[in-house]
């Protein structure tokens, strides 16, 4: 049983963009739409603690924020896993060639098996200015909820395919944006191709080293 738990942990660490992975793991993650780009480079000191750098571009502002990611709680079952994570960091927001202080806090939780998964993520950034009229809220909030289904089960070394539905909400927008994704991953590489319900596309990828 311990062997299968280990295999599941290995597969899930690739199948999900977890803030903390196994000891000494390095991961590169990128989320991209026509309005937003986010890049995260993460190094896990242990299976519970990681250091990361975040680059976020959204509606003409750019954020550069180093952070610490902490695995608060993990539940391991023979064929499923649940996780709670918390992240915090402090960096800068770059707007019109000037730098302003910005603090980041993020909470995320997920549950996954080899066939199903759900994920909740809330990002909060405390900004020191409100001069960007496209981001009028000085306190930036972004919430994302995802649900996924694997139409068939494949081995770790084979191509895995997932169907994913994502809902996201920005504090400075009144609408909830919906995106449908096709996720593919094989071994240490994952990529997603998405189409938003209101038009536009999305592309995400993750690589573990």
Protein backbone atom coordinates (compact mmCIF):
# COMPACT_ATOMS: atom_id res chain seq x y z
CA UNK A 1 0.00 0.00 0.00
CA UNK A 2 2.81 2.44 0.80
CA UNK A 3 4.22 1.90 -2.69
CA UNK A 4 0.92 2.91 -4.33
CA UNK A 5 0.63 5.95 -2.09
CA UNK A 6 4.12 7.01 -3.24
CA UNK A 7 3.18 6.50 -6.91
CA UNK A 8 0.01 8.57 -6.44
CA UNK A 9 1.98 11.39 -4.78
CA UNK A 10 4.43 11.41 -7.69
CA UNK A 11 1.71 11.48 -10.34
CA UNK A 12 -0.37 14.14 -8.53
CA UNK A 13 2.65 16.41 -8.08
CA UNK A 14 2.91 16.58 -11.86
CA UNK A 15 -0.82 16.58 -12.57
CA UNK A 16 -1.38 19.63 -10.35
CA UNK A 17 0.44 22.94 -10.00
CA UNK A 18 1.00 22.49 -6.28
CA UNK A 19 2.73 25.38 -4.42
CA UNK A 20 4.92 22.80 -2.62
CA UNK A 21 6.15 19.56 -4.15
CA UNK A 22 8.57 16.86 -3.04
CA UNK A 23 11.96 17.72 -1.47
CA UNK A 24 14.41 19.46 -3.86
CA UNK A 25 11.80 19.69 -6.63
CA UNK A 26 11.93 22.66 -9.00
CA UNK A 27 8.85 23.64 -10.98
CA UNK A 28 8.08 26.27 -13.60
CA UNK A 29 4.41 27.21 -14.00
CA UNK A 30 2.80 29.73 -16.33
CA UNK A 31 -0.85 30.86 -16.70
CA UNK A 32 -1.74 32.94 -19.76
CA UNK A 33 -4.79 34.70 -21.20
CA UNK A 34 -5.14 37.77 -23.41
CA UNK A 35 -5.52 39.90 -20.25
CA UNK A 36 -3.15 38.26 -17.77
CA UNK A 37 0.17 36.43 -17.57
CA UNK A 38 1.58 34.76 -14.48
CA UNK A 39 4.89 32.91 -14.09
CA UNK A 40 5.96 31.05 -10.94
CA UNK A 41 9.34 29.47 -10.32
CA UNK A 42 9.35 27.27 -7.22
CA UNK A 43 11.95 25.34 -5.25
CA UNK A 44 10.80 22.99 -2.47
CA UNK A 45 13.21 22.84 0.48
CA UNK A 46 11.11 20.06 1.99
CA UNK A 47 7.77 18.42 1.19
CA UNK A 48 6.14 21.12 3.38
CA UNK A 49 8.00 24.35 2.53
CA UNK A 50 9.02 26.04 -0.70
CA UNK A 51 10.41 29.37 -1.87
CA UNK A 52 9.05 30.90 -5.06
CA UNK A 53 9.20 33.93 -7.29
CA UNK A 54 6.03 35.32 -8.85
CA UNK A 55 5.69 37.53 -11.92
CA UNK A 56 2.16 38.74 -12.65
CA UNK A 57 1.05 41.08 -15.41
CA UNK A 58 -2.55 42.23 -15.29
CA UNK A 59 -4.20 45.28 -16.91
CA UNK A 60 -0.97 47.28 -17.42
CA UNK A 61 0.54 46.67 -13.96
CA UNK A 62 3.36 44.19 -13.33
CA UNK A 63 4.00 42.50 -9.99
CA UNK A 64 7.35 40.99 -8.91
CA UNK A 65 6.93 39.19 -5.61
CA UNK A 66 9.17 36.61 -3.89
CA UNK A 67 7.21 34.36 -1.54
CA UNK A 68 7.15 31.38 0.79
CA UNK A 69 4.72 28.51 0.20
CA UNK A 70 3.64 26.31 3.09
CA UNK A 71 1.79 23.01 3.00
CA UNK A 72 -0.53 23.43 5.98
CA UNK A 73 -2.22 20.02 5.85
CA UNK A 74 -2.24 16.95 3.61
CA UNK A 75 -4.58 13.96 3.67
CA UNK A 76 -3.27 10.85 1.91
CA UNK A 77 -5.57 7.99 1.01
CA UNK A 78 -4.79 4.98 -1.13
CA UNK A 79 -6.37 6.51 -4.25
CA UNK A 80 -6.89 10.21 -3.43
CA UNK A 81 -5.20 13.19 -1.80
CA UNK A 82 -6.28 16.49 -0.24
CA UNK A 83 -4.10 19.55 0.44
CA UNK A 84 -4.31 22.98 2.07
CA UNK A 85 -1.64 25.58 1.26
CA UNK A 86 -0.83 29.12 2.38
CA UNK A 87 1.57 31.55 0.71
CA UNK A 88 2.91 34.96 1.70
CA UNK A 89 5.37 37.37 0.14
CA UNK A 90 6.37 40.98 -0.34
CA UNK A 91 7.61 42.72 -3.48
CA UNK A 92 6.80 45.49 -5.92
CA UNK A 93 4.14 46.60 -8.36
CA UNK A 94 5.57 48.32 -11.43
CA UNK A 95 3.29 50.89 -13.06
CA UNK A 96 4.28 53.61 -15.53
CA UNK A 97 8.00 53.03 -14.86
CA UNK A 98 7.59 53.50 -11.09
CA UNK A 99 7.76 50.90 -8.32
CA UNK A 100 5.27 50.59 -5.48
CA UNK A 101 5.22 48.19 -2.52
CA UNK A 102 2.94 45.16 -2.74
CA UNK A 103 2.26 42.31 -0.31
CA UNK A 104 0.85 38.95 -1.38
CA UNK A 105 -1.20 36.35 0.49
CA UNK A 106 -2.68 33.25 -1.11
CA UNK A 107 -4.84 30.39 0.16
CA UNK A 108 -5.47 27.26 -1.85
CA UNK A 109 -7.07 23.88 -1.25
CA UNK A 110 -7.55 20.88 -3.49
CA UNK A 111 -8.74 17.30 -3.53
CA UNK A 112 -7.89 14.85 -6.28
CA UNK A 113 -8.06 11.24 -7.29
CA UNK A 114 -6.90 9.72 -10.54
CA UNK A 115 -10.33 10.45 -12.05
CA UNK A 116 -11.65 13.62 -10.36
CA UNK A 117 -10.32 16.80 -8.83
CA UNK A 118 -11.54 20.08 -7.40
CA UNK A 119 -9.44 23.13 -6.60
CA UNK A 120 -10.05 26.45 -4.84
CA UNK A 121 -7.62 29.36 -4.87
CA UNK A 122 -7.84 32.91 -3.51
CA UNK A 123 -5.10 35.47 -4.17
CA UNK A 124 -4.93 38.76 -2.23
CA UNK A 125 -2.45 41.55 -3.01
CA UNK A 126 -2.26 44.65 -0.82
CA UNK A 127 -1.16 47.53 -3.07
CA UNK A 128 0.41 50.78 -1.88
CA UNK A 129 -1.25 52.92 -4.58
CA UNK A 130 -4.38 53.11 -6.74
CA UNK A 131 -3.12 55.12 -9.70
CA UNK A 132 -3.88 52.40 -12.25
CA UNK A 133 -7.47 53.22 -13.25
CA UNK A 134 -7.86 49.71 -14.68
CA UNK A 135 -7.20 48.26 -11.20
CA UNK A 136 -9.07 50.79 -9.04
CA UNK A 137 -9.19 48.59 -5.95
CA UNK A 138 -6.19 49.13 -3.70
CA UNK A 139 -6.77 45.63 -2.35
CA UNK A 140 -6.55 43.20 -5.27
CA UNK A 141 -8.54 39.96 -4.92
CA UNK A 142 -8.69 37.08 -7.37
CA UNK A 143 -10.67 33.87 -6.77
CA UNK A 144 -10.52 30.74 -8.91
CA UNK A 145 -12.47 27.48 -8.67
CA UNK A 146 -11.78 24.45 -10.88
CA UNK A 147 -13.35 21.02 -11.36
CA UNK A 148 -11.77 18.29 -13.46
CA UNK A 149 -12.57 14.86 -14.86
CA UNK A 150 -10.29 12.31 -16.51
CA UNK A 151 -12.32 10.54 -19.25
CA UNK A 152 -9.93 7.58 -19.08
CA UNK A 153 -7.09 6.45 -16.80
CA UNK A 154 -3.55 6.24 -18.11
CA UNK A 155 -0.18 5.31 -16.62
CA UNK A 156 2.28 7.98 -15.46
CA UNK A 157 4.50 7.37 -18.50
CA UNK A 158 1.58 7.67 -20.94
CA UNK A 159 -0.32 10.75 -22.08
CA UNK A 160 -3.01 11.72 -19.54
CA UNK A 161 -6.00 13.83 -20.60
CA UNK A 162 -8.37 15.84 -18.37
CA UNK A 163 -11.50 17.91 -18.99
CA UNK A 164 -11.57 21.01 -16.75
CA UNK A 165 -14.10 23.74 -16.06
CA UNK A 166 -12.81 26.92 -14.40
CA UNK A 167 -14.66 29.88 -12.86
CA UNK A 168 -12.72 33.01 -11.86
CA UNK A 169 -13.61 36.37 -10.35
CA UNK A 170 -11.55 39.57 -10.09
CA UNK A 171 -12.46 42.11 -7.42
CA UNK A 172 -12.50 44.96 -9.95
CA UNK A 173 -14.83 43.13 -12.37
CA UNK A 174 -18.53 42.46 -11.84
CA UNK A 175 -18.74 39.29 -13.93
CA UNK A 176 -17.56 35.74 -13.29
CA UNK A 177 -15.41 34.44 -16.15
CA UNK A 178 -15.78 30.81 -17.24
CA UNK A 179 -13.17 28.82 -19.15
CA UNK A 180 -13.15 25.23 -20.40
CA UNK A 181 -9.79 23.48 -20.64
CA UNK A 182 -8.26 20.38 -22.15
CA UNK A 183 -5.35 19.32 -19.95
CA UNK A 184 -2.57 17.02 -21.11
CA UNK A 185 0.35 15.72 -19.10
CA UNK A 186 3.00 13.10 -19.51
CA UNK A 187 5.81 12.39 -17.04
CA UNK A 188 7.10 15.78 -15.83
CA UNK A 189 5.31 18.10 -18.30
CA UNK A 190 1.75 19.46 -18.24
CA UNK A 191 -0.05 21.84 -20.59
CA UNK A 192 -3.61 23.16 -20.88
CA UNK A 193 -5.46 24.71 -23.81
CA UNK A 194 -8.57 26.69 -22.92
CA UNK A 195 -11.46 28.56 -24.50
CA UNK A 196 -13.33 31.23 -22.52
CA UNK A 197 -17.11 31.32 -22.72
CA UNK A 198 -17.09 35.05 -23.53
CA UNK A 199 -14.43 34.65 -26.21
CA UNK A 200 -10.64 34.47 -26.12
CA UNK A 201 -8.25 31.70 -25.28
CA UNK A 202 -5.97 30.54 -22.48
CA UNK A 203 -2.80 28.49 -22.31
CA UNK A 204 -1.08 27.13 -19.20
CA UNK A 205 1.93 24.90 -18.71
CA UNK A 206 3.98 23.35 -15.92
CA UNK A 207 7.35 21.59 -15.91
CA UNK A 208 8.93 19.72 -12.98
CA UNK A 209 12.72 19.34 -12.86
